[in-house]
Amino acid sequence: MLARLGIGFITIIDDEIFEETNLNRQLFCDTTTLGKNKVLVAKERILKVNPEVIVNPIITRIEEKNAKELILGHEAVIDALDSIPYKILLEKICEELKIPLIHGAVAGWYGQVTTVLPGDRTLSIVYKNHIEGLEKELGIPSFSPAVVAGIQVSELLKVILKKEEVLSKKLLYIDLLNQEYQKIDLSF
């Protein structure tokens, strides 16, 4: 989606390879990409969509020791992590570097999106007493990540275009089972 919008520079960070469990929900995963590095497959696909994009694939895991160096110099960050402690780390580093963070999470038929502007500390509020999500219990059907990713991309575009309508200090809760969307105010 970012390449189709004409985003000119995209860094992708992940140290994993595609596994069979990714087939049901990860866009770049198919039977021909099993066993291949996710970031390299993503780069190849992005360049097929828009060869003008500069894609920077980094095969590593974001950790306390490297997060600042990996994120430095970017205009915004999209969170597609599956670990709450790493999401909190990403929020902390983005705040230090004054970079907006577009958060997304999925579990079962449900998802959430928020845009964390420097100083918001929204994820620290949302995940205050949690270290694990519900995705293992509820699973992740193919459509939930797609919906959340689409909303994250729209939030990123609003940040780049400096629109005031971003989900800052708000959590968009998505219930795809009942087709209900709720904006929760977190500005307390």
Protein backbone atom coordinates (compact mmCIF):
# COMPACT_ATOMS: atom_id res chain seq x y z
CA MET A 1 0.00 0.00 0.00
CA LEU A 2 2.84 2.40 0.80
CA ALA A 3 4.52 1.78 -2.56
CA ARG A 4 1.21 2.28 -4.37
CA LEU A 5 0.86 5.66 -2.63
CA GLY A 6 4.30 6.66 -3.88
CA ILE A 7 6.11 6.60 -0.54
CA GLY A 8 9.68 6.91 -1.84
CA PHE A 9 11.74 5.31 0.92
CA ILE A 10 10.68 2.30 2.96
CA THR A 11 12.75 0.50 5.58
CA ILE A 12 11.56 -2.98 6.53
CA ILE A 13 12.97 -4.58 9.67
CA ASP A 14 12.42 -8.24 10.56
CA ASP A 15 14.67 -11.20 11.28
CA GLU A 16 12.15 -13.94 10.53
CA ILE A 17 11.54 -16.20 7.55
CA PHE A 18 8.12 -17.10 6.21
CA GLU A 19 6.61 -20.21 7.76
CA GLU A 20 3.42 -22.13 6.99
CA THR A 21 1.67 -20.39 9.88
CA ASN A 22 2.07 -17.10 7.98
CA LEU A 23 0.14 -18.31 4.91
CA ASN A 24 -3.26 -17.38 6.32
CA ARG A 25 -2.55 -13.71 7.01
CA GLN A 26 0.71 -12.27 5.69
CA LEU A 27 0.41 -10.62 2.30
CA PHE A 28 3.87 -11.51 1.01
CA CYS A 29 3.68 -15.14 2.14
CA ASP A 30 2.78 -17.84 -0.35
CA THR A 31 3.99 -21.36 -1.03
CA THR A 32 6.95 -20.04 -3.06
CA THR A 33 8.22 -17.75 -0.28
CA LEU A 34 8.20 -20.28 2.57
CA GLY A 35 11.65 -20.40 4.17
CA LYS A 36 12.69 -17.04 2.71
CA ASN A 37 13.52 -13.88 4.67
CA LYS A 38 10.40 -11.76 5.06
CA VAL A 39 12.16 -8.46 4.38
CA LEU A 40 13.80 -9.68 1.18
CA VAL A 41 10.51 -11.04 -0.15
CA ALA A 42 8.79 -7.78 0.77
CA LYS A 43 11.44 -5.75 -1.04
CA GLU A 44 11.09 -7.85 -4.18
CA ARG A 45 7.29 -7.45 -4.18
CA ILE A 46 7.40 -3.71 -3.43
CA LEU A 47 9.75 -3.14 -6.35
CA LYS A 48 7.37 -5.03 -8.65
CA VAL A 49 4.61 -2.63 -7.60
CA ASN A 50 6.73 0.53 -7.78
CA PRO A 51 10.35 0.24 -8.95
CA GLU A 52 10.95 3.90 -8.03
CA VAL A 53 10.75 3.13 -4.30
CA ILE A 54 14.02 2.79 -2.41
CA VAL A 55 13.57 -0.24 -0.17
CA ASN A 56 15.95 -0.75 2.74
CA PRO A 57 15.55 -4.34 4.04
CA ILE A 58 17.21 -4.97 7.39
CA ILE A 59 17.39 -8.56 8.62
CA THR A 60 17.43 -8.11 12.36
CA ARG A 61 15.15 -7.87 15.38
CA ILE A 62 14.45 -4.50 16.96
CA GLU A 63 15.92 -4.57 20.46
CA GLU A 64 16.96 -2.06 23.08
CA LYS A 65 20.56 -2.14 21.82
CA ASN A 66 19.76 -1.32 18.17
CA ALA A 67 16.33 0.33 18.06
CA LYS A 68 17.52 3.92 18.12
CA GLU A 69 20.04 3.38 15.33
CA LEU A 70 17.47 1.53 13.18
CA ILE A 71 14.75 4.17 13.54
CA LEU A 72 16.88 7.32 13.42
CA GLY A 73 16.27 9.46 10.33
CA HIS A 74 12.82 8.12 9.46
CA GLU A 75 9.81 10.39 9.12
CA ALA A 76 7.41 7.91 10.76
CA VAL A 77 7.29 4.30 11.94
CA ILE A 78 4.57 1.69 11.42
CA ASP A 79 4.31 -0.90 14.19
CA ALA A 80 3.63 -4.42 12.93
CA LEU A 81 5.26 -6.14 15.89
CA ASP A 82 3.65 -9.09 17.64
CA SER A 83 5.14 -8.50 21.09
CA ILE A 84 3.81 -5.97 23.60
CA PRO A 85 7.21 -5.34 25.26
CA TYR A 86 8.71 -4.56 21.83
CA LYS A 87 5.77 -2.28 21.00
CA ILE A 88 6.48 -0.34 24.21
CA LEU A 89 10.18 -0.20 23.28
CA LEU A 90 9.26 1.16 19.85
CA GLU A 91 7.07 3.83 21.49
CA LYS A 92 9.92 4.82 23.82
CA ILE A 93 12.50 5.13 21.02
CA CYS A 94 10.11 6.98 18.70
CA GLU A 95 9.36 9.42 21.51
CA GLU A 96 13.08 10.00 22.15
CA LEU A 97 13.65 10.63 18.43
CA LYS A 98 10.42 12.67 18.09
CA ILE A 99 9.08 10.38 15.37
CA PRO A 100 5.36 9.52 15.06
CA LEU A 101 4.49 5.85 15.55
CA ILE A 102 1.47 4.29 13.89
CA HIS A 103 0.46 1.33 16.03
CA GLY A 104 -1.65 -1.61 14.99
CA ALA A 105 -2.56 -4.88 16.65
CA VAL A 106 -4.87 -7.79 15.80
CA ALA A 107 -6.40 -10.76 17.58
CA GLY A 108 -9.20 -12.82 16.10
CA TRP A 109 -11.90 -10.66 14.53
CA TYR A 110 -10.60 -7.61 16.41
CA GLY A 111 -7.99 -4.97 15.88
CA GLN A 112 -6.83 -1.60 17.06
CA VAL A 113 -4.98 1.37 15.60
CA THR A 114 -3.60 4.54 17.10
CA THR A 115 -1.09 7.17 16.08
CA VAL A 116 1.38 7.87 18.87
CA LEU A 117 2.81 11.35 18.52
CA PRO A 118 5.91 12.22 20.55
CA GLY A 119 4.81 12.77 24.13
CA ASP A 120 1.49 10.89 23.82
CA ARG A 121 2.65 7.63 25.50
CA THR A 122 -0.55 6.00 24.25
CA LEU A 123 0.79 2.45 24.15
CA SER A 124 1.99 2.74 27.72
CA ILE A 125 -1.63 3.50 28.63
CA VAL A 126 -3.20 0.82 26.43
CA TYR A 127 -0.81 -1.92 27.53
CA LYS A 128 -0.26 -0.73 31.10
CA ASN A 129 -0.97 -4.10 32.74
CA HIS A 130 -0.37 -6.43 29.78
CA ILE A 131 2.67 -8.28 28.51
CA GLU A 132 0.88 -10.63 26.13
CA GLY A 133 -1.87 -10.09 23.59
CA LEU A 134 -4.86 -12.30 22.81
CA GLU A 135 -3.74 -13.41 19.34
CA LYS A 136 -2.65 -16.88 20.52
CA GLU A 137 -6.04 -17.47 22.11
CA LEU A 138 -8.18 -15.89 19.35
CA GLY A 139 -6.02 -16.64 16.31
CA ILE A 140 -5.56 -14.25 13.41
CA PRO A 141 -7.81 -14.68 10.36
CA SER A 142 -6.63 -13.26 7.03
CA PHE A 143 -8.88 -10.20 6.99
CA SER A 144 -8.03 -8.66 10.39
CA PRO A 145 -4.40 -7.72 9.58
CA ALA A 146 -5.48 -6.39 6.17
CA VAL A 147 -8.05 -4.03 7.70
CA VAL A 148 -5.68 -2.84 10.42
CA ALA A 149 -2.83 -2.35 7.92
CA GLY A 150 -5.08 -0.30 5.65
CA ILE A 151 -6.02 1.99 8.52
CA GLN A 152 -2.36 2.26 9.58
CA VAL A 153 -1.40 3.34 6.06
CA SER A 154 -4.14 5.99 6.08
CA GLU A 155 -2.84 7.25 9.43
CA LEU A 156 0.71 7.38 8.05
CA LEU A 157 -0.47 9.42 5.08
CA LYS A 158 -2.28 11.83 7.41
CA VAL A 159 0.94 12.24 9.43
CA ILE A 160 2.99 12.91 6.27
CA LEU A 161 0.41 15.38 4.97
CA LYS A 162 0.17 16.97 8.44
CA LYS A 163 -3.57 16.41 8.71
CA GLU A 164 -5.01 17.17 12.14
CA GLU A 165 -7.41 14.22 12.13
CA VAL A 166 -4.87 11.56 13.21
CA LEU A 167 -5.78 9.13 15.96
CA SER A 168 -3.54 10.89 18.48
CA LYS A 169 -4.53 9.97 22.05
CA LYS A 170 -7.35 7.93 20.57
CA LEU A 171 -7.61 4.20 20.03
CA LEU A 172 -9.68 2.97 17.11
CA TYR A 173 -11.13 -0.34 18.23
CA ILE A 174 -12.25 -2.55 15.34
CA ASP A 175 -14.77 -5.36 15.81
CA LEU A 176 -15.08 -7.13 12.46
CA LEU A 177 -17.40 -9.80 13.85
CA ASN A 178 -20.12 -7.20 14.47
CA GLN A 179 -18.77 -4.57 12.05
CA GLU A 180 -18.46 -2.02 14.85
CA TYR A 181 -15.79 0.62 15.08
CA GLN A 182 -15.26 2.65 18.22
CA LYS A 183 -12.92 5.55 18.87
CA ILE A 184 -11.78 5.53 22.49
CA ASP A 185 -10.45 8.79 23.94
CA LEU A 186 -7.19 8.24 25.84
CA SER A 187 -6.40 11.87 26.62
CA PHE A 188 -6.97 11.51 30.37
